[in-house]
Amino acid sequence: MEMYALVTGRPGVGKTTLVRRVVEKLRKEGYTMAGFFCPEVRQSGRRIGFRITSLDGSLEAWLAKIEGCNGPRVGRYNTCQEAEEVARRAVEHIDDVDLIVIDEIGPMELRLRGIREVILRVLRSGKPGLFVVHERLSDREILPILQRRGRWYRVTVENRDRLVDDVYSFVKSLVKRY
């Protein structure tokens, strides 16, 4: 049975924007949500790292930076251990919400053991989810769960605006079933 709306696509096509728009529509209807976003941080037009922010904006930390963190390396970034606590706290009340939102499930998030555990806890919770998934995710533990229980939406620059209503309708149907 499908439990997750899975948004994927190339970097920069608007995956996070699409998810944020769906979240706003759901909020306006009174749905409750927990989870986190991992937006990139740019300085003088150059990406210097990523933050992790709870869905409600109350918690925030560095997820990864080019300099200044000492966690496992992913590409040119070092991950930051402080991100694990934000992820844990962002979903600590998942039993009390209608939907879990995670942006994103990718190599950087999964290299931090605490965030990996949070994602697995969410996937095992039986709660419906709206997740951005890295387009080249190959994790042998998590990818099969997503493939078995999710409906995939491939975002492009051309379809990103019209996908908002499709994803929104599907997520509403998931929450109603739950």
C-alpha atoms as a PDB file:
ATOM      1  CA  MET A   1       0.000   0.000   0.000  1.00  0.00           C
ATOM      2  CA  GLU A   2       1.285   3.443  -0.923  1.00  0.00           C
ATOM      3  CA  MET A   3       2.151   5.540   2.130  1.00  0.00           C
ATOM      4  CA  TYR A   4       4.490   8.180   0.720  1.00  0.00           C
ATOM      5  CA  ALA A   5       4.574  10.902  -1.907  1.00  0.00           C
ATOM      6  CA  LEU A   6       8.173  10.887  -3.167  1.00  0.00           C
ATOM      7  CA  VAL A   7       9.428  13.965  -4.981  1.00  0.00           C
ATOM      8  CA  THR A   8      12.643  13.639  -6.969  1.00  0.00           C
ATOM      9  CA  GLY A   9      14.454  15.352  -9.819  1.00  0.00           C
ATOM     10  CA  ARG A  10      17.608  17.172 -10.816  1.00  0.00           C
ATOM     11  CA  PRO A  11      19.132  19.772  -8.488  1.00  0.00           C
ATOM     12  CA  GLY A  12      17.568  23.197  -8.842  1.00  0.00           C
ATOM     13  CA  VAL A  13      14.330  22.174 -10.591  1.00  0.00           C
ATOM     14  CA  GLY A  14      12.090  23.221  -7.698  1.00  0.00           C
ATOM     15  CA  LYS A  15      11.550  20.113  -5.555  1.00  0.00           C
ATOM     16  CA  THR A  16      11.739  21.986  -2.256  1.00  0.00           C
ATOM     17  CA  THR A  17       9.549  24.804  -3.555  1.00  0.00           C
ATOM     18  CA  LEU A  18       6.935  22.261  -4.664  1.00  0.00           C
ATOM     19  CA  VAL A  19       6.959  20.568  -1.250  1.00  0.00           C
ATOM     20  CA  ARG A  20       6.728  23.906   0.562  1.00  0.00           C
ATOM     21  CA  ARG A  21       3.719  24.868  -1.557  1.00  0.00           C
ATOM     22  CA  VAL A  22       2.000  21.551  -0.769  1.00  0.00           C
ATOM     23  CA  VAL A  23       2.769  22.005   2.948  1.00  0.00           C
ATOM     24  CA  GLU A  24       1.259  25.510   2.919  1.00  0.00           C
ATOM     25  CA  LYS A  25      -1.940  24.268   1.266  1.00  0.00           C
ATOM     26  CA  LEU A  26      -2.232  21.480   3.847  1.00  0.00           C
ATOM     27  CA  ARG A  27      -1.601  23.894   6.736  1.00  0.00           C
ATOM     28  CA  LYS A  28      -4.378  26.168   5.529  1.00  0.00           C
ATOM     29  CA  GLU A  29      -6.752  23.196   5.762  1.00  0.00           C
ATOM     30  CA  GLY A  30      -5.684  22.414   9.312  1.00  0.00           C
ATOM     31  CA  TYR A  31      -3.469  19.376   8.734  1.00  0.00           C
ATOM     32  CA  THR A  32      -0.695  18.925  11.274  1.00  0.00           C
ATOM     33  CA  MET A  33       2.834  18.046  10.189  1.00  0.00           C
ATOM     34  CA  ALA A  34       6.294  17.399  11.559  1.00  0.00           C
ATOM     35  CA  GLY A  35       9.629  17.028   9.833  1.00  0.00           C
ATOM     36  CA  PHE A  36      12.481  19.069   8.422  1.00  0.00           C
ATOM     37  CA  PHE A  37      13.929  20.835   5.405  1.00  0.00           C
ATOM     38  CA  CYS A  38      17.615  20.892   4.421  1.00  0.00           C
ATOM     39  CA  PRO A  39      18.045  24.068   2.344  1.00  0.00           C
ATOM     40  CA  GLU A  40      21.328  25.024   0.739  1.00  0.00           C
ATOM     41  CA  VAL A  41      23.189  28.085   1.986  1.00  0.00           C
ATOM     42  CA  ARG A  42      24.835  30.426  -0.507  1.00  0.00           C
ATOM     43  CA  GLN A  43      27.335  33.165   0.090  1.00  0.00           C
ATOM     44  CA  SER A  44      28.204  35.555  -2.755  1.00  0.00           C
ATOM     45  CA  GLY A  45      26.381  33.223  -5.144  1.00  0.00           C
ATOM     46  CA  ARG A  46      28.436  30.180  -4.118  1.00  0.00           C
ATOM     47  CA  ARG A  47      27.013  27.245  -2.158  1.00  0.00           C
ATOM     48  CA  ILE A  48      28.854  26.917   1.143  1.00  0.00           C
ATOM     49  CA  GLY A  49      26.730  24.285   2.831  1.00  0.00           C
ATOM     50  CA  PHE A  50      23.328  23.130   3.996  1.00  0.00           C
ATOM     51  CA  ARG A  51      21.186  23.839   7.058  1.00  0.00           C
ATOM     52  CA  ILE A  52      18.618  21.607   8.683  1.00  0.00           C
ATOM     53  CA  THR A  53      15.451  23.368   9.830  1.00  0.00           C
ATOM     54  CA  SER A  54      12.394  21.936  11.537  1.00  0.00           C
ATOM     55  CA  LEU A  55       9.166  22.298   9.589  1.00  0.00           C
ATOM     56  CA  ASP A  56       7.874  24.927  12.018  1.00  0.00           C
ATOM     57  CA  GLY A  57      11.178  26.854  11.877  1.00  0.00           C
ATOM     58  CA  SER A  58      11.819  26.609  15.618  1.00  0.00           C
ATOM     59  CA  LEU A  59      14.949  24.427  15.323  1.00  0.00           C
ATOM     60  CA  GLU A  60      17.935  24.979  13.065  1.00  0.00           C
ATOM     61  CA  ALA A  61      21.558  23.873  12.718  1.00  0.00           C
ATOM     62  CA  TRP A  62      24.209  23.264  10.096  1.00  0.00           C
ATOM     63  CA  LEU A  63      23.795  19.951   8.253  1.00  0.00           C
ATOM     64  CA  ALA A  64      27.031  20.243   6.260  1.00  0.00           C
ATOM     65  CA  LYS A  65      29.626  22.869   5.400  1.00  0.00           C
ATOM     66  CA  ILE A  66      32.720  23.121   3.256  1.00  0.00           C
ATOM     67  CA  GLU A  67      34.649  24.137   6.402  1.00  0.00           C
ATOM     68  CA  GLY A  68      33.940  23.950  10.100  1.00  0.00           C
ATOM     69  CA  CYS A  69      32.306  20.581  10.719  1.00  0.00           C
ATOM     70  CA  ASN A  70      33.994  17.284  11.455  1.00  0.00           C
ATOM     71  CA  GLY A  71      31.388  14.644  10.568  1.00  0.00           C
ATOM     72  CA  PRO A  72      31.610  12.200   7.655  1.00  0.00           C
ATOM     73  CA  ARG A  73      32.503  13.816   4.343  1.00  0.00           C
ATOM     74  CA  VAL A  74      30.020  13.852   1.446  1.00  0.00           C
ATOM     75  CA  GLY A  75      31.510  15.307  -1.720  1.00  0.00           C
ATOM     76  CA  ARG A  76      33.179  18.566  -0.769  1.00  0.00           C
ATOM     77  CA  TYR A  77      31.154  18.982   2.429  1.00  0.00           C
ATOM     78  CA  ASN A  78      31.774  17.805   5.966  1.00  0.00           C
ATOM     79  CA  THR A  79      28.590  16.848   7.790  1.00  0.00           C
ATOM     80  CA  CYS A  80      27.802  18.422  11.168  1.00  0.00           C
ATOM     81  CA  GLN A  81      26.827  16.293  14.166  1.00  0.00           C
ATOM     82  CA  GLU A  82      24.585  19.062  15.566  1.00  0.00           C
ATOM     83  CA  ALA A  83      22.125  18.320  12.740  1.00  0.00           C
ATOM     84  CA  GLU A  84      21.211  14.994  14.343  1.00  0.00           C
ATOM     85  CA  GLU A  85      19.567  16.653  17.342  1.00  0.00           C
ATOM     86  CA  VAL A  86      17.465  18.927  15.126  1.00  0.00           C
ATOM     87  CA  ALA A  87      16.254  15.928  13.113  1.00  0.00           C
ATOM     88  CA  ARG A  88      15.389  13.986  16.287  1.00  0.00           C
ATOM     89  CA  ARG A  89      13.502  16.852  17.870  1.00  0.00           C
ATOM     90  CA  ALA A  90      11.724  17.774  14.618  1.00  0.00           C
ATOM     91  CA  VAL A  91       9.945  14.408  14.573  1.00  0.00           C
ATOM     92  CA  GLU A  92       9.712  13.573  18.267  1.00  0.00           C
ATOM     93  CA  HIS A  93       5.912  13.989  18.245  1.00  0.00           C
ATOM     94  CA  ILE A  94       5.156  12.098  15.039  1.00  0.00           C
ATOM     95  CA  ASP A  95       2.335  10.196  16.721  1.00  0.00           C
ATOM     96  CA  ASP A  96       0.469  13.490  17.143  1.00  0.00           C
ATOM     97  CA  VAL A  97       0.579  14.712  13.536  1.00  0.00           C
ATOM     98  CA  ASP A  98      -1.176  13.864  10.275  1.00  0.00           C
ATOM     99  CA  LEU A  99       1.885  13.853   8.031  1.00  0.00           C
ATOM    100  CA  ILE A 100       5.691  13.647   8.137  1.00  0.00           C
ATOM    101  CA  VAL A 101       7.635  15.880   5.724  1.00  0.00           C
ATOM    102  CA  ILE A 102      11.345  15.359   5.007  1.00  0.00           C
ATOM    103  CA  ASP A 103      13.385  17.356   2.512  1.00  0.00           C
ATOM    104  CA  GLU A 104      15.516  15.496   1.730  1.00  0.00           C
ATOM    105  CA  ILE A 105      16.419  11.835   2.000  1.00  0.00           C
ATOM    106  CA  GLY A 106      19.843  11.764   0.410  1.00  0.00           C
ATOM    107  CA  PRO A 107      23.470  10.754   0.912  1.00  0.00           C
ATOM    108  CA  MET A 108      24.305  13.732   3.124  1.00  0.00           C
ATOM    109  CA  GLU A 109      21.459  13.135   5.575  1.00  0.00           C
ATOM    110  CA  LEU A 110      22.025   9.377   5.610  1.00  0.00           C
ATOM    111  CA  ARG A 111      25.748   9.702   6.426  1.00  0.00           C
ATOM    112  CA  LEU A 112      24.829  11.056   9.854  1.00  0.00           C
ATOM    113  CA  ARG A 113      23.789   8.075  11.977  1.00  0.00           C
ATOM    114  CA  GLY A 114      21.288  10.081  14.035  1.00  0.00           C
ATOM    115  CA  ILE A 115      19.456  11.392  10.963  1.00  0.00           C
ATOM    116  CA  ARG A 116      19.498   7.941   9.360  1.00  0.00           C
ATOM    117  CA  GLU A 117      17.865   6.562  12.526  1.00  0.00           C
ATOM    118  CA  VAL A 118      15.241   9.320  12.426  1.00  0.00           C
ATOM    119  CA  ILE A 119      14.403   8.537   8.793  1.00  0.00           C
ATOM    120  CA  LEU A 120      14.126   4.816   9.543  1.00  0.00           C
ATOM    121  CA  ARG A 121      11.908   5.581  12.558  1.00  0.00           C
ATOM    122  CA  VAL A 122       9.643   7.671  10.319  1.00  0.00           C
ATOM    123  CA  LEU A 123       9.492   4.917   7.678  1.00  0.00           C
ATOM    124  CA  ARG A 124       8.615   2.337  10.335  1.00  0.00           C
ATOM    125  CA  SER A 125       6.018   4.541  12.022  1.00  0.00           C
ATOM    126  CA  GLY A 126       3.230   3.753   9.572  1.00  0.00           C
ATOM    127  CA  LYS A 127       2.584   7.500   9.165  1.00  0.00           C
ATOM    128  CA  PRO A 128       2.007   8.969   5.706  1.00  0.00           C
ATOM    129  CA  GLY A 129       4.907  10.993   4.378  1.00  0.00           C
ATOM    130  CA  LEU A 130       5.882  13.615   1.838  1.00  0.00           C
ATOM    131  CA  PHE A 131       9.585  13.233   1.085  1.00  0.00           C
ATOM    132  CA  VAL A 132      12.093  14.750  -1.295  1.00  0.00           C
ATOM    133  CA  VAL A 133      14.392  11.920  -2.372  1.00  0.00           C
ATOM    134  CA  HIS A 134      17.835  12.488  -3.886  1.00  0.00           C
ATOM    135  CA  GLU A 135      17.615  11.463  -7.537  1.00  0.00           C
ATOM    136  CA  ARG A 136      20.536   9.040  -7.253  1.00  0.00           C
ATOM    137  CA  LEU A 137      19.672   7.538  -3.874  1.00  0.00           C
ATOM    138  CA  SER A 138      21.054   4.008  -3.769  1.00  0.00           C
ATOM    139  CA  ASP A 139      20.794   3.172  -0.076  1.00  0.00           C
ATOM    140  CA  ARG A 140      20.151  -0.578   0.191  1.00  0.00           C
ATOM    141  CA  GLU A 141      18.094  -0.277   3.357  1.00  0.00           C
ATOM    142  CA  ILE A 142      15.949   2.779   2.690  1.00  0.00           C
ATOM    143  CA  LEU A 143      15.430   2.769  -1.084  1.00  0.00           C
ATOM    144  CA  PRO A 144      13.535  -0.578  -1.142  1.00  0.00           C
ATOM    145  CA  ILE A 145      11.105   0.714   1.495  1.00  0.00           C
ATOM    146  CA  LEU A 146      10.466   3.860  -0.538  1.00  0.00           C
ATOM    147  CA  GLN A 147      10.062   1.896  -3.771  1.00  0.00           C
ATOM    148  CA  ARG A 148       7.611  -0.514  -2.170  1.00  0.00           C
ATOM    149  CA  ARG A 149       5.476   2.062  -0.373  1.00  0.00           C
ATOM    150  CA  GLY A 150       5.757   5.281  -2.358  1.00  0.00           C
ATOM    151  CA  ARG A 151       4.359   7.058  -5.381  1.00  0.00           C
ATOM    152  CA  TRP A 152       7.104   8.859  -7.276  1.00  0.00           C
ATOM    153  CA  TYR A 153       6.859  12.347  -8.773  1.00  0.00           C
ATOM    154  CA  ARG A 154       9.740  13.394 -11.058  1.00  0.00           C
ATOM    155  CA  VAL A 155       9.957  17.187 -11.008  1.00  0.00           C
ATOM    156  CA  THR A 156      11.183  19.178 -13.992  1.00  0.00           C
ATOM    157  CA  VAL A 157      11.212  22.905 -14.639  1.00  0.00           C
ATOM    158  CA  GLU A 158       8.332  22.327 -17.076  1.00  0.00           C
ATOM    159  CA  ASN A 159       6.021  20.361 -14.743  1.00  0.00           C
ATOM    160  CA  ARG A 160       6.841  21.715 -11.268  1.00  0.00           C
ATOM    161  CA  ASP A 161       3.909  24.120 -11.061  1.00  0.00           C
ATOM    162  CA  ARG A 162       1.239  21.701 -12.212  1.00  0.00           C
ATOM    163  CA  LEU A 163       2.591  18.903  -9.992  1.00  0.00           C
ATOM    164  CA  VAL A 164       1.680  20.888  -6.861  1.00  0.00           C
ATOM    165  CA  ASP A 165      -2.015  19.994  -7.163  1.00  0.00           C
ATOM    166  CA  ASP A 166      -1.272  16.351  -8.035  1.00  0.00           C
ATOM    167  CA  VAL A 167       1.014  15.866  -5.042  1.00  0.00           C
ATOM    168  CA  TYR A 168      -1.363  17.781  -2.780  1.00  0.00           C
ATOM    169  CA  SER A 169      -4.342  15.596  -3.782  1.00  0.00           C
ATOM    170  CA  PHE A 170      -2.366  12.400  -3.331  1.00  0.00           C
ATOM    171  CA  VAL A 171      -1.040  13.453   0.102  1.00  0.00           C
ATOM    172  CA  LYS A 172      -4.588  14.357   1.211  1.00  0.00           C
ATOM    173  CA  SER A 173      -5.738  10.890   0.170  1.00  0.00           C
ATOM    174  CA  LEU A 174      -2.910   9.330   2.210  1.00  0.00           C
ATOM    175  CA  VAL A 175      -3.772  11.310   5.319  1.00  0.00           C
ATOM    176  CA  LYS A 176      -7.474  10.458   5.023  1.00  0.00           C
ATOM    177  CA  ARG A 177      -6.666   6.726   4.816  1.00  0.00           C
ATOM    178  CA  TYR A 178      -4.463   6.856   7.887  1.00  0.00           C
END
